[in-house]
PDB file of N, CA and C in Angstrom:
ATOM      1  N   UNK A   1     -51.301  43.179 175.270  1.00  0.00           N
ATOM      2  CA  UNK A   1     -50.399  44.176 174.750  1.00  0.00           C
ATOM      3  C   UNK A   1     -50.757  45.511 175.349  1.00  0.00           C
ATOM      4  N   UNK A   2     -49.817  46.127 175.958  1.00  0.00           N
ATOM      5  CA  UNK A   2     -50.068  47.425 176.552  1.00  0.00           C
ATOM      6  C   UNK A   2     -49.628  48.544 175.622  1.00  0.00           C
ATOM      7  N   UNK A   3     -50.431  49.570 175.606  1.00  0.00           N
ATOM      8  CA  UNK A   3     -50.079  50.711 174.763  1.00  0.00           C
ATOM      9  C   UNK A   3     -49.372  51.747 175.610  1.00  0.00           C
ATOM     10  N   UNK A   4     -48.328  52.322 175.038  1.00  0.00           N
ATOM     11  CA  UNK A   4     -47.594  53.360 175.752  1.00  0.00           C
ATOM     12  C   UNK A   4     -48.061  54.724 175.270  1.00  0.00           C
ATOM     13  N   UNK A   5     -47.982  55.697 176.125  1.00  0.00           N
ATOM     14  CA  UNK A   5     -48.394  57.060 175.770  1.00  0.00           C
ATOM     15  C   UNK A   5     -47.378  57.654 174.802  1.00  0.00           C
ATOM     16  N   UNK A   6     -47.905  58.271 173.771  1.00  0.00           N
ATOM     17  CA  UNK A   6     -47.031  58.894 172.774  1.00  0.00           C
ATOM     18  C   UNK A   6     -46.977  60.397 173.001  1.00  0.00           C
ATOM     19  N   UNK A   7     -45.850  60.957 172.677  1.00  0.00           N
ATOM     20  CA  UNK A   7     -45.712  62.411 172.757  1.00  0.00           C
ATOM     21  C   UNK A   7     -46.472  63.022 171.587  1.00  0.00           C
ATOM     22  N   UNK A   8     -47.084  64.185 171.781  1.00  0.00           N
ATOM     23  CA  UNK A   8     -47.813  64.812 170.676  1.00  0.00           C
ATOM     24  C   UNK A   8     -46.853  65.136 169.530  1.00  0.00           C
ATOM     25  N   UNK A   9     -47.312  64.973 168.288  1.00  0.00           N
ATOM     26  CA  UNK A   9     -46.434  65.244 167.145  1.00  0.00           C
ATOM     27  C   UNK A   9     -46.098  66.732 167.047  1.00  0.00           C
ATOM     28  N   UNK A  10     -44.904  66.982 166.579  1.00  0.00           N
ATOM     29  CA  UNK A  10     -44.488  68.374 166.352  1.00  0.00           C
ATOM     30  C   UNK A  10     -44.011  68.493 164.921  1.00  0.00           C
ATOM     31  N   UNK A  11     -43.942  69.713 164.436  1.00  0.00           N
ATOM     32  CA  UNK A  11     -43.437  69.923 163.085  1.00  0.00           C
ATOM     33  C   UNK A  11     -44.502  70.499 162.187  1.00  0.00           C
ATOM     34  N   UNK A  12     -44.301  70.315 160.879  1.00  0.00           N
ATOM     35  CA  UNK A  12     -45.169  70.931 159.877  1.00  0.00           C
ATOM     36  C   UNK A  12     -46.581  70.396 159.957  1.00  0.00           C
ATOM     37  N   UNK A  13     -47.543  71.279 159.901  1.00  0.00           N
ATOM     38  CA  UNK A  13     -48.949  70.908 159.820  1.00  0.00           C
ATOM     39  C   UNK A  13     -49.567  70.442 161.115  1.00  0.00           C
ATOM     40  N   UNK A  14     -48.909  70.649 162.245  1.00  0.00           N
ATOM     41  CA  UNK A  14     -49.471  70.186 163.511  1.00  0.00           C
ATOM     42  C   UNK A  14     -50.116  71.301 164.304  1.00  0.00           C
ATOM     43  N   UNK A  15     -50.084  72.488 163.806  1.00  0.00           N
ATOM     44  CA  UNK A  15     -50.699  73.601 164.526  1.00  0.00           C
ATOM     45  C   UNK A  15     -49.759  74.228 165.531  1.00  0.00           C
ATOM     46  N   UNK A  16     -48.525  73.790 165.549  1.00  0.00           N
ATOM     47  CA  UNK A  16     -47.540  74.338 166.460  1.00  0.00           C
ATOM     48  C   UNK A  16     -47.288  75.803 166.105  1.00  0.00           C
ATOM     49  N   UNK A  17     -47.015  76.626 167.097  1.00  0.00           N
ATOM     50  CA  UNK A  17     -46.829  78.057 166.841  1.00  0.00           C
ATOM     51  C   UNK A  17     -45.600  78.316 165.975  1.00  0.00           C
ATOM     52  N   UNK A  18     -44.647  77.366 165.978  1.00  0.00           N
ATOM     53  CA  UNK A  18     -43.466  77.553 165.136  1.00  0.00           C
ATOM     54  C   UNK A  18     -43.810  77.439 163.658  1.00  0.00           C
ATOM     55  N   UNK A  19     -44.912  76.738 163.342  1.00  0.00           N
ATOM     56  CA  UNK A  19     -45.320  76.548 161.955  1.00  0.00           C
ATOM     57  C   UNK A  19     -46.082  77.741 161.401  1.00  0.00           C
ATOM     58  N   UNK A  20     -46.633  78.541 162.281  1.00  0.00           N
ATOM     59  CA  UNK A  20     -47.495  79.640 161.830  1.00  0.00           C
ATOM     60  C   UNK A  20     -46.685  80.610 160.978  1.00  0.00           C
ATOM     61  N   UNK A  21     -47.255  81.049 159.861  1.00  0.00           N
ATOM     62  CA  UNK A  21     -46.526  82.011 159.029  1.00  0.00           C
ATOM     63  C   UNK A  21     -46.378  83.336 159.750  1.00  0.00           C
ATOM     64  N   UNK A  22     -45.219  83.923 159.590  1.00  0.00           N
ATOM     65  CA  UNK A  22     -44.979  85.216 160.226  1.00  0.00           C
ATOM     66  C   UNK A  22     -45.754  86.293 159.487  1.00  0.00           C
ATOM     67  N   UNK A  23     -46.264  87.279 160.201  1.00  0.00           N
ATOM     68  CA  UNK A  23     -46.953  88.374 159.504  1.00  0.00           C
ATOM     69  C   UNK A  23     -45.945  89.156 158.668  1.00  0.00           C
ATOM     70  N   UNK A  24     -46.363  89.534 157.480  1.00  0.00           N
ATOM     71  CA  UNK A  24     -45.478  90.289 156.602  1.00  0.00           C
ATOM     72  C   UNK A  24     -45.319  91.712 157.121  1.00  0.00           C
ATOM     73  N   UNK A  25     -44.089  92.229 157.116  1.00  0.00           N
ATOM     74  CA  UNK A  25     -43.905  93.613 157.560  1.00  0.00           C
ATOM     75  C   UNK A  25     -44.495  94.575 156.539  1.00  0.00           C
ATOM     76  N   UNK A  26     -44.843  95.749 157.009  1.00  0.00           N
ATOM     77  CA  UNK A  26     -45.396  96.725 156.076  1.00  0.00           C
ATOM     78  C   UNK A  26     -44.303  97.188 155.111  1.00  0.00           C
ATOM     79  N   UNK A  27     -44.694  97.917 154.096  1.00  0.00           N
ATOM     80  CA  UNK A  27     -43.763  98.283 153.014  1.00  0.00           C
ATOM     81  C   UNK A  27     -42.549  99.059 153.506  1.00  0.00           C
ATOM     82  N   UNK A  28     -42.768 100.021 154.373  1.00  0.00           N
ATOM     83  CA  UNK A  28     -41.659 100.854 154.837  1.00  0.00           C
ATOM     84  C   UNK A  28     -40.634 100.012 155.581  1.00  0.00           C
ATOM     85  N   UNK A  29     -41.133  99.094 156.404  1.00  0.00           N
ATOM     86  CA  UNK A  29     -40.241  98.240 157.165  1.00  0.00           C
ATOM     87  C   UNK A  29     -39.472  97.306 156.224  1.00  0.00           C
ATOM     88  N   UNK A  30     -40.169  96.755 155.240  1.00  0.00           N
ATOM     89  CA  UNK A  30     -39.521  95.853 154.285  1.00  0.00           C
ATOM     90  C   UNK A  30     -38.457  96.602 153.486  1.00  0.00           C
ATOM     91  N   UNK A  31     -38.757  97.827 153.090  1.00  0.00           N
ATOM     92  CA  UNK A  31     -37.795  98.629 152.339  1.00  0.00           C
ATOM     93  C   UNK A  31     -36.565  98.936 153.189  1.00  0.00           C
ATOM     94  N   UNK A  32     -36.785  99.251 154.470  1.00  0.00           N
ATOM     95  CA  UNK A  32     -35.668  99.549 155.360  1.00  0.00           C
ATOM     96  C   UNK A  32     -34.773  98.326 155.534  1.00  0.00           C
ATOM     97  N   UNK A  33     -35.383  97.148 155.670  1.00  0.00           N
ATOM     98  CA  UNK A  33     -34.608  95.915 155.826  1.00  0.00           C
ATOM     99  C   UNK A  33     -33.785  95.653 154.571  1.00  0.00           C
ATOM    100  N   UNK A  34     -34.411  95.840 153.407  1.00  0.00           N
ATOM    101  CA  UNK A  34     -33.715  95.595 152.150  1.00  0.00           C
ATOM    102  C   UNK A  34     -32.544  96.571 151.977  1.00  0.00           C
ATOM    103  N   UNK A  35     -32.759  97.837 152.284  1.00  0.00           N
ATOM    104  CA  UNK A  35     -31.694  98.826 152.142  1.00  0.00           C
ATOM    105  C   UNK A  35     -30.541  98.547 153.103  1.00  0.00           C
ATOM    106  N   UNK A  36     -30.872  98.110 154.329  1.00  0.00           N
ATOM    107  CA  UNK A  36     -29.826  97.765 155.285  1.00  0.00           C
ATOM    108  C   UNK A  36     -28.977  96.605 154.772  1.00  0.00           C
ATOM    109  N   UNK A  37     -29.647  95.598 154.200  1.00  0.00           N
ATOM    110  CA  UNK A  37     -28.922  94.443 153.670  1.00  0.00           C
ATOM    111  C   UNK A  37     -28.039  94.856 152.495  1.00  0.00           C
ATOM    112  N   UNK A  38     -28.550  95.701 151.617  1.00  0.00           N
ATOM    113  CA  UNK A  38     -27.754  96.171 150.483  1.00  0.00           C
ATOM    114  C   UNK A  38     -26.574  97.018 150.953  1.00  0.00           C
ATOM    115  N   UNK A  39     -26.800  97.777 152.010  1.00  0.00           N
ATOM    116  CA  UNK A  39     -25.752  98.634 152.552  1.00  0.00           C
ATOM    117  C   UNK A  39     -24.586  97.799 153.063  1.00  0.00           C
ATOM    118  N   UNK A  40     -24.901  96.669 153.706  1.00  0.00           N
ATOM    119  CA  UNK A  40     -23.851  95.806 154.227  1.00  0.00           C
ATOM    120  C   UNK A  40     -23.035  95.185 153.096  1.00  0.00           C
ATOM    121  N   UNK A  41     -23.672  94.953 151.954  1.00  0.00           N
ATOM    122  CA  UNK A  41     -22.988  94.314 150.832  1.00  0.00           C
ATOM    123  C   UNK A  41     -22.125  95.287 150.032  1.00  0.00           C
ATOM    124  N   UNK A  42     -22.369  96.578 150.169  1.00  0.00           N
ATOM    125  CA  UNK A  42     -21.651  97.573 149.371  1.00  0.00           C
ATOM    126  C   UNK A  42     -20.169  97.579 149.745  1.00  0.00           C
ATOM    127  N   UNK A  43     -19.317  97.517 148.735  1.00  0.00           N
ATOM    128  CA  UNK A  43     -17.871  97.543 148.970  1.00  0.00           C
ATOM    129  C   UNK A  43     -17.417  98.995 149.069  1.00  0.00           C
ATOM    130  N   UNK A  44     -16.851  99.337 150.239  1.00  0.00           N
ATOM    131  CA  UNK A  44     -16.379 100.708 150.445  1.00  0.00           C
ATOM    132  C   UNK A  44     -14.970 100.663 151.025  1.00  0.00           C
ATOM    133  N   UNK A  45     -14.055 101.463 150.477  1.00  0.00           N
ATOM    134  CA  UNK A  45     -12.719 101.509 151.076  1.00  0.00           C
ATOM    135  C   UNK A  45     -12.765 102.224 152.418  1.00  0.00           C
ATOM    136  N   UNK A  46     -11.944 101.780 153.331  1.00  0.00           N
ATOM    137  CA  UNK A  46     -11.787 102.238 154.712  1.00  0.00           C
ATOM    138  C   UNK A  46     -12.611 103.392 155.234  1.00  0.00           C
ATOM    139  N   UNK A  47     -13.721 103.120 155.840  1.00  0.00           N
ATOM    140  CA  UNK A  47     -14.480 104.077 156.621  1.00  0.00           C
ATOM    141  C   UNK A  47     -15.225 105.150 155.865  1.00  0.00           C
ATOM    142  N   UNK A  48     -15.401 105.025 154.572  1.00  0.00           N
ATOM    143  CA  UNK A  48     -16.184 106.026 153.847  1.00  0.00           C
ATOM    144  C   UNK A  48     -17.671 105.783 154.081  1.00  0.00           C
ATOM    145  N   UNK A  49     -18.483 106.851 154.016  1.00  0.00           N
ATOM    146  CA  UNK A  49     -19.918 106.669 154.226  1.00  0.00           C
ATOM    147  C   UNK A  49     -20.531 105.817 153.114  1.00  0.00           C
ATOM    148  N   UNK A  50     -21.640 105.141 153.414  1.00  0.00           N
ATOM    149  CA  UNK A  50     -22.264 104.283 152.407  1.00  0.00           C
ATOM    150  C   UNK A  50     -22.750 105.086 151.207  1.00  0.00           C
ATOM    151  N   UNK A  51     -22.591 104.508 150.035  1.00  0.00           N
ATOM    152  CA  UNK A  51     -23.046 105.160 148.810  1.00  0.00           C
ATOM    153  C   UNK A  51     -23.936 104.207 148.042  1.00  0.00           C
ATOM    154  N   UNK A  52     -24.761 104.762 147.204  1.00  0.00           N
ATOM    155  CA  UNK A  52     -25.637 103.956 146.370  1.00  0.00           C
ATOM    156  C   UNK A  52     -24.848 103.481 145.159  1.00  0.00           C
ATOM    157  N   UNK A  53     -24.850 102.180 144.938  1.00  0.00           N
ATOM    158  CA  UNK A  53     -24.110 101.632 143.805  1.00  0.00           C
ATOM    159  C   UNK A  53     -25.029 101.561 142.606  1.00  0.00           C
ATOM    160  N   UNK A  54     -24.607 102.145 141.497  1.00  0.00           N
ATOM    161  CA  UNK A  54     -25.382 102.095 140.269  1.00  0.00           C
ATOM    162  C   UNK A  54     -24.652 101.223 139.267  1.00  0.00           C
ATOM    163  N   UNK A  55     -25.326 100.194 138.810  1.00  0.00           N
ATOM    164  CA  UNK A  55     -24.733  99.304 137.828  1.00  0.00           C
ATOM    165  C   UNK A  55     -25.200  99.702 136.441  1.00  0.00           C
ATOM    166  N   UNK A  56     -24.344  99.558 135.433  1.00  0.00           N
ATOM    167  CA  UNK A  56     -24.772  99.907 134.076  1.00  0.00           C
ATOM    168  C   UNK A  56     -25.868  98.963 133.602  1.00  0.00           C
ATOM    169  N   UNK A  57     -26.765  99.493 132.816  1.00  0.00           N
ATOM    170  CA  UNK A  57     -27.884  98.715 132.296  1.00  0.00           C
ATOM    171  C   UNK A  57     -27.660  98.502 130.812  1.00  0.00           C
ATOM    172  N   UNK A  58     -27.932  97.290 130.355  1.00  0.00           N
ATOM    173  CA  UNK A  58     -27.772  97.022 128.927  1.00  0.00           C
ATOM    174  C   UNK A  58     -28.881  97.711 128.156  1.00  0.00           C
ATOM    175  N   UNK A  59     -28.555  98.195 126.984  1.00  0.00           N
ATOM    176  CA  UNK A  59     -29.564  98.858 126.170  1.00  0.00           C
ATOM    177  C   UNK A  59     -28.905  99.534 124.987  1.00  0.00           C
ATOM    178  N   UNK A  60     -29.542 100.559 124.482  1.00  0.00           N
ATOM    179  CA  UNK A  60     -29.011 101.273 123.320  1.00  0.00           C
ATOM    180  C   UNK A  60     -27.874 102.195 123.736  1.00  0.00           C
ATOM    181  N   UNK A  61     -27.009 102.482 122.780  1.00  0.00           N
ATOM    182  CA  UNK A  61     -25.942 103.446 123.037  1.00  0.00           C
ATOM    183  C   UNK A  61     -26.552 104.843 123.101  1.00  0.00           C
ATOM    184  N   UNK A  62     -25.934 105.700 123.873  1.00  0.00           N
ATOM    185  CA  UNK A  62     -26.389 107.087 123.891  1.00  0.00           C
ATOM    186  C   UNK A  62     -25.842 107.785 122.656  1.00  0.00           C
ATOM    187  N   UNK A  63     -26.348 108.940 122.359  1.00  0.00           N
ATOM    188  CA  UNK A  63     -25.889 109.664 121.166  1.00  0.00           C
ATOM    189  C   UNK A  63     -24.461 110.171 121.330  1.00  0.00           C
ATOM    190  N   UNK A  64     -23.946 110.182 122.569  1.00  0.00           N
ATOM    191  CA  UNK A  64     -22.606 110.699 122.817  1.00  0.00           C
ATOM    192  C   UNK A  64     -21.541 109.608 122.756  1.00  0.00           C
ATOM    193  N   UNK A  65     -21.949 108.339 122.716  1.00  0.00           N
ATOM    194  CA  UNK A  65     -20.980 107.251 122.619  1.00  0.00           C
ATOM    195  C   UNK A  65     -20.355 107.247 121.231  1.00  0.00           C
ATOM    196  N   UNK A  66     -19.066 106.941 121.143  1.00  0.00           N
ATOM    197  CA  UNK A  66     -18.430 106.908 119.817  1.00  0.00           C
ATOM    198  C   UNK A  66     -18.952 105.728 119.000  1.00  0.00           C
ATOM    199  N   UNK A  67     -18.905 105.841 117.681  1.00  0.00           N
ATOM    200  CA  UNK A  67     -19.368 104.728 116.850  1.00  0.00           C
ATOM    201  C   UNK A  67     -18.413 103.540 116.966  1.00  0.00           C
ATOM    202  N   UNK A  68     -18.892 102.385 116.599  1.00  0.00           N
ATOM    203  CA  UNK A  68     -18.055 101.191 116.617  1.00  0.00           C
ATOM    204  C   UNK A  68     -16.918 101.347 115.610  1.00  0.00           C
ATOM    205  N   UNK A  69     -15.826 100.607 115.839  1.00  0.00           N
ATOM    206  CA  UNK A  69     -14.658 100.717 114.952  1.00  0.00           C
ATOM    207  C   UNK A  69     -15.019 100.386 113.511  1.00  0.00           C
ATOM    208  N   UNK A  70     -15.918  99.426 113.328  1.00  0.00           N
ATOM    209  CA  UNK A  70     -16.280  99.016 111.973  1.00  0.00           C
ATOM    210  C   UNK A  70     -17.128 100.069 111.258  1.00  0.00           C
ATOM    211  N   UNK A  71     -17.683 101.039 112.004  1.00  0.00           N
ATOM    212  CA  UNK A  71     -18.576 102.029 111.393  1.00  0.00           C
ATOM    213  C   UNK A  71     -17.946 103.416 111.283  1.00  0.00           C
ATOM    214  N   UNK A  72     -16.684 103.564 111.659  1.00  0.00           N
ATOM    215  CA  UNK A  72     -16.055 104.885 111.704  1.00  0.00           C
ATOM    216  C   UNK A  72     -16.029 105.548 110.337  1.00  0.00           C
ATOM    217  N   UNK A  73     -15.647 104.840 109.268  1.00  0.00           N
ATOM    218  CA  UNK A  73     -15.520 105.449 107.951  1.00  0.00           C
ATOM    219  C   UNK A  73     -16.809 105.475 107.155  1.00  0.00           C
ATOM    220  N   UNK A  74     -17.895 105.015 107.738  1.00  0.00           N
ATOM    221  CA  UNK A  74     -19.159 104.905 107.005  1.00  0.00           C
ATOM    222  C   UNK A  74     -19.798 106.276 106.814  1.00  0.00           C
ATOM    223  N   UNK A  75     -20.247 106.558 105.597  1.00  0.00           N
ATOM    224  CA  UNK A  75     -20.941 107.808 105.303  1.00  0.00           C
ATOM    225  C   UNK A  75     -22.419 107.478 105.161  1.00  0.00           C
ATOM    226  N   UNK A  76     -23.242 108.132 105.959  1.00  0.00           N
ATOM    227  CA  UNK A  76     -24.677 107.853 105.918  1.00  0.00           C
ATOM    228  C   UNK A  76     -25.297 108.505 104.691  1.00  0.00           C
ATOM    229  N   UNK A  77     -25.836 107.686 103.829  1.00  0.00           N
ATOM    230  CA  UNK A  77     -26.494 108.174 102.618  1.00  0.00           C
ATOM    231  C   UNK A  77     -27.936 107.689 102.618  1.00  0.00           C
ATOM    232  N   UNK A  78     -28.888 108.570 102.366  1.00  0.00           N
ATOM    233  CA  UNK A  78     -30.274 108.107 102.296  1.00  0.00           C
ATOM    234  C   UNK A  78     -30.463 107.203 101.086  1.00  0.00           C
ATOM    235  N   UNK A  79     -31.406 106.268 101.162  1.00  0.00           N
ATOM    236  CA  UNK A  79     -31.626 105.374 100.026  1.00  0.00           C
ATOM    237  C   UNK A  79     -32.162 106.148  98.823  1.00  0.00           C
ATOM    238  N   UNK A  80     -31.902 105.622  97.646  1.00  0.00           N
ATOM    239  CA  UNK A  80     -32.381 106.260  96.416  1.00  0.00           C
ATOM    240  C   UNK A  80     -33.901 106.148  96.335  1.00  0.00           C
ATOM    241  N   UNK A  81     -34.542 107.203  95.827  1.00  0.00           N
ATOM    242  CA  UNK A  81     -36.003 107.236  95.737  1.00  0.00           C
ATOM    243  C   UNK A  81     -36.413 107.017  94.290  1.00  0.00           C
ATOM    244  N   UNK A  82     -37.307 106.053  94.082  1.00  0.00           N
ATOM    245  CA  UNK A  82     -37.839 105.791  92.748  1.00  0.00           C
ATOM    246  C   UNK A  82     -38.990 106.775  92.515  1.00  0.00           C
ATOM    247  N   UNK A  83     -38.935 107.653  91.510  1.00  0.00           N
ATOM    248  CA  UNK A  83     -39.984 108.660  91.307  1.00  0.00           C
ATOM    249  C   UNK A  83     -41.366 108.050  91.064  1.00  0.00           C
ATOM    250  N   UNK A  84     -41.443 106.947  90.324  1.00  0.00           N
ATOM    251  CA  UNK A  84     -42.745 106.327  90.050  1.00  0.00           C
ATOM    252  C   UNK A  84     -43.362 105.783  91.340  1.00  0.00           C
ATOM    253  N   UNK A  85     -42.527 105.144  92.168  1.00  0.00           N
ATOM    254  CA  UNK A  85     -43.028 104.596  93.435  1.00  0.00           C
ATOM    255  C   UNK A  85     -43.460 105.723  94.369  1.00  0.00           C
ATOM    256  N   UNK A  86     -42.703 106.808  94.402  1.00  0.00           N
ATOM    257  CA  UNK A  86     -43.052 107.953  95.238  1.00  0.00           C
ATOM    258  C   UNK A  86     -44.402 108.530  94.821  1.00  0.00           C
ATOM    259  N   UNK A  87     -44.650 108.626  93.529  1.00  0.00           N
ATOM    260  CA  UNK A  87     -45.925 109.152  93.037  1.00  0.00           C
ATOM    261  C   UNK A  87     -47.087 108.259  93.477  1.00  0.00           C
ATOM    262  N   UNK A  88     -46.926 106.933  93.326  1.00  0.00           N
ATOM    263  CA  UNK A  88     -47.988 105.989  93.714  1.00  0.00           C
ATOM    264  C   UNK A  88     -48.266 106.089  95.209  1.00  0.00           C
ATOM    265  N   UNK A  89     -47.217 106.104  96.017  1.00  0.00           N
ATOM    266  CA  UNK A  89     -47.400 106.179  97.470  1.00  0.00           C
ATOM    267  C   UNK A  89     -48.055 107.491  97.889  1.00  0.00           C
ATOM    268  N   UNK A  90     -47.645 108.592  97.273  1.00  0.00           N
ATOM    269  CA  UNK A  90     -48.229 109.896  97.601  1.00  0.00           C
ATOM    270  C   UNK A  90     -49.714 109.916  97.271  1.00  0.00           C
ATOM    271  N   UNK A  91     -50.076 109.362  96.130  1.00  0.00           N
ATOM    272  CA  UNK A  91     -51.482 109.334  95.712  1.00  0.00           C
ATOM    273  C   UNK A  91     -52.316 108.449  96.638  1.00  0.00           C
ATOM    274  N   UNK A  92     -51.780 107.294  96.990  1.00  0.00           N
ATOM    275  CA  UNK A  92     -52.517 106.395  97.902  1.00  0.00           C
ATOM    276  C   UNK A  92     -52.703 107.043  99.271  1.00  0.00           C
ATOM    277  N   UNK A  93     -51.682 107.711  99.761  1.00  0.00           N
ATOM    278  CA  UNK A  93     -51.784 108.360 101.060  1.00  0.00           C
ATOM    279  C   UNK A  93     -52.814 109.491 101.028  1.00  0.00           C
ATOM    280  N   UNK A  94     -52.854 110.232  99.913  1.00  0.00           N
ATOM    281  CA  UNK A  94     -53.846 111.300  99.779  1.00  0.00           C
ATOM    282  C   UNK A  94     -55.257 110.722  99.818  1.00  0.00           C
ATOM    283  N   UNK A  95     -55.496 109.608  99.107  1.00  0.00           N
ATOM    284  CA  UNK A  95     -56.810 108.961  99.109  1.00  0.00           C
ATOM    285  C   UNK A  95     -57.170 108.451 100.505  1.00  0.00           C
ATOM    286  N   UNK A  96     -56.193 107.899 101.195  1.00  0.00           N
ATOM    287  CA  UNK A  96     -56.429 107.396 102.552  1.00  0.00           C
ATOM    288  C   UNK A  96     -56.853 108.536 103.479  1.00  0.00           C
ATOM    289  N   UNK A  97     -56.114 109.646 103.434  1.00  0.00           N
ATOM    290  CA  UNK A  97     -56.464 110.786 104.289  1.00  0.00           C
ATOM    291  C   UNK A  97     -57.848 111.320 103.968  1.00  0.00           C
ATOM    292  N   UNK A  98     -58.191 111.362 102.695  1.00  0.00           N
ATOM    293  CA  UNK A  98     -59.503 111.842 102.273  1.00  0.00           C
ATOM    294  C   UNK A  98     -60.614 110.934 102.815  1.00  0.00           C
ATOM    295  N   UNK A  99     -60.411 109.630 102.731  1.00  0.00           N
ATOM    296  CA  UNK A  99     -61.401 108.665 103.230  1.00  0.00           C
ATOM    297  C   UNK A  99     -61.571 108.782 104.738  1.00  0.00           C
ATOM    298  N   UNK A 100     -60.471 108.835 105.461  1.00  0.00           N
ATOM    299  CA  UNK A 100     -60.538 108.930 106.926  1.00  0.00           C
ATOM    300  C   UNK A 100     -61.192 110.235 107.343  1.00  0.00           C
ATOM    301  N   UNK A 101     -60.879 111.328 106.651  1.00  0.00           N
ATOM    302  CA  UNK A 101     -61.486 112.625 106.963  1.00  0.00           C
ATOM    303  C   UNK A 101     -62.998 112.561 106.778  1.00  0.00           C
ATOM    304  N   UNK A 102     -63.451 111.905 105.701  1.00  0.00           N
ATOM    305  CA  UNK A 102     -64.891 111.781 105.445  1.00  0.00           C
ATOM    306  C   UNK A 102     -65.558 110.917 106.509  1.00  0.00           C
ATOM    307  N   UNK A 103     -64.903 109.836 106.919  1.00  0.00           N
ATOM    308  CA  UNK A 103     -65.475 108.967 107.956  1.00  0.00           C
ATOM    309  C   UNK A 103     -65.565 109.684 109.297  1.00  0.00           C
ATOM    310  N   UNK A 104     -64.580 110.494 109.606  1.00  0.00           N
ATOM    311  CA  UNK A 104     -64.617 111.228 110.879  1.00  0.00           C
ATOM    312  C   UNK A 104     -65.683 112.317 110.858  1.00  0.00           C
ATOM    313  N   UNK A 105     -65.899 112.915 109.700  1.00  0.00           N
ATOM    314  CA  UNK A 105     -66.876 113.992 109.575  1.00  0.00           C
ATOM    315  C   UNK A 105     -68.304 113.453 109.615  1.00  0.00           C
ATOM    316  N   UNK A 106     -68.525 112.216 109.164  1.00  0.00           N
ATOM    317  CA  UNK A 106     -69.870 111.656 109.024  1.00  0.00           C
ATOM    318  C   UNK A 106     -70.670 111.639 110.328  1.00  0.00           C
ATOM    319  N   UNK A 107     -70.138 111.130 111.451  1.00  0.00           N
ATOM    320  CA  UNK A 107     -70.936 111.122 112.686  1.00  0.00           C
ATOM    321  C   UNK A 107     -71.311 112.520 113.156  1.00  0.00           C
ATOM    322  N   UNK A 108     -70.448 113.500 112.938  1.00  0.00           N
ATOM    323  CA  UNK A 108     -70.752 114.857 113.375  1.00  0.00           C
ATOM    324  C   UNK A 108     -71.950 115.413 112.605  1.00  0.00           C
ATOM    325  N   UNK A 109     -71.971 115.233 111.295  1.00  0.00           N
ATOM    326  CA  UNK A 109     -73.068 115.797 110.503  1.00  0.00           C
ATOM    327  C   UNK A 109     -74.375 115.077 110.787  1.00  0.00           C
ATOM    328  N   UNK A 110     -74.333 113.755 111.032  1.00  0.00           N
ATOM    329  CA  UNK A 110     -75.583 113.039 111.302  1.00  0.00           C
ATOM    330  C   UNK A 110     -76.122 113.384 112.687  1.00  0.00           C
ATOM    331  N   UNK A 111     -75.255 113.682 113.655  1.00  0.00           N
ATOM    332  CA  UNK A 111     -75.745 114.006 114.994  1.00  0.00           C
ATOM    333  C   UNK A 111     -76.201 115.464 115.089  1.00  0.00           C
ATOM    334  N   UNK A 112     -75.728 116.336 114.196  1.00  0.00           N
ATOM    335  CA  UNK A 112     -76.148 117.737 114.245  1.00  0.00           C
ATOM    336  C   UNK A 112     -77.612 117.893 113.852  1.00  0.00           C
ATOM    337  N   UNK A 113     -78.121 117.033 112.971  1.00  0.00           N
ATOM    338  CA  UNK A 113     -79.503 117.149 112.513  1.00  0.00           C
ATOM    339  C   UNK A 113     -80.520 116.574 113.487  1.00  0.00           C
ATOM    340  N   UNK A 114     -80.064 115.812 114.479  1.00  0.00           N
ATOM    341  CA  UNK A 114     -80.994 115.186 115.423  1.00  0.00           C
ATOM    342  C   UNK A 114     -81.532 116.205 116.420  1.00  0.00           C
ATOM    343  N   UNK A 115     -82.756 115.963 116.858  1.00  0.00           N
ATOM    344  CA  UNK A 115     -83.309 116.760 117.962  1.00  0.00           C
ATOM    345  C   UNK A 115     -83.566 115.817 119.121  1.00  0.00           C
ATOM    346  N   UNK A 116     -83.279 116.277 120.292  1.00  0.00           N
ATOM    347  CA  UNK A 116     -83.471 115.444 121.470  1.00  0.00           C
ATOM    348  C   UNK A 116     -84.912 115.564 121.933  1.00  0.00           C
ATOM    349  N   UNK A 117     -85.574 114.450 122.030  1.00  0.00           N
ATOM    350  CA  UNK A 117     -86.960 114.427 122.508  1.00  0.00           C
ATOM    351  C   UNK A 117     -87.025 113.632 123.800  1.00  0.00           C
ATOM    352  N   UNK A 118     -87.693 114.178 124.769  1.00  0.00           N
ATOM    353  CA  UNK A 118     -87.857 113.482 126.051  1.00  0.00           C
ATOM    354  C   UNK A 118     -89.284 112.988 126.146  1.00  0.00           C
ATOM    355  N   UNK A 119     -89.447 111.790 126.647  1.00  0.00           N
ATOM    356  CA  UNK A 119     -90.799 111.327 126.934  1.00  0.00           C
ATOM    357  C   UNK A 119     -91.240 110.326 126.011  1.00  0.00           C
TER     358      UNK A 119
END
């Protein structure tokens, strides 16, 4: 049985120069390519210079947008305040502030009495 000479393999993973990854262009070059591609896609009527297309973004309404139709007649009223609950919350908040103030003051007073000794 005679063996015939085979052509060297080509394609992926053979070390062929066509398989080698292309070097990535630097940022400025990549940005220029992207802008050129976007420019070609921009729809412009007869011969006007290219413009930047801004698409609306979903999100909150601005304060200048009109209210929805269902909210036009609505009158904004603050919720009713229970006096007993307000008193309890005010007292708890006062105690919280007092505790935090004491905790913040504690490291300062303990470090003021220290003397630095070297050696």
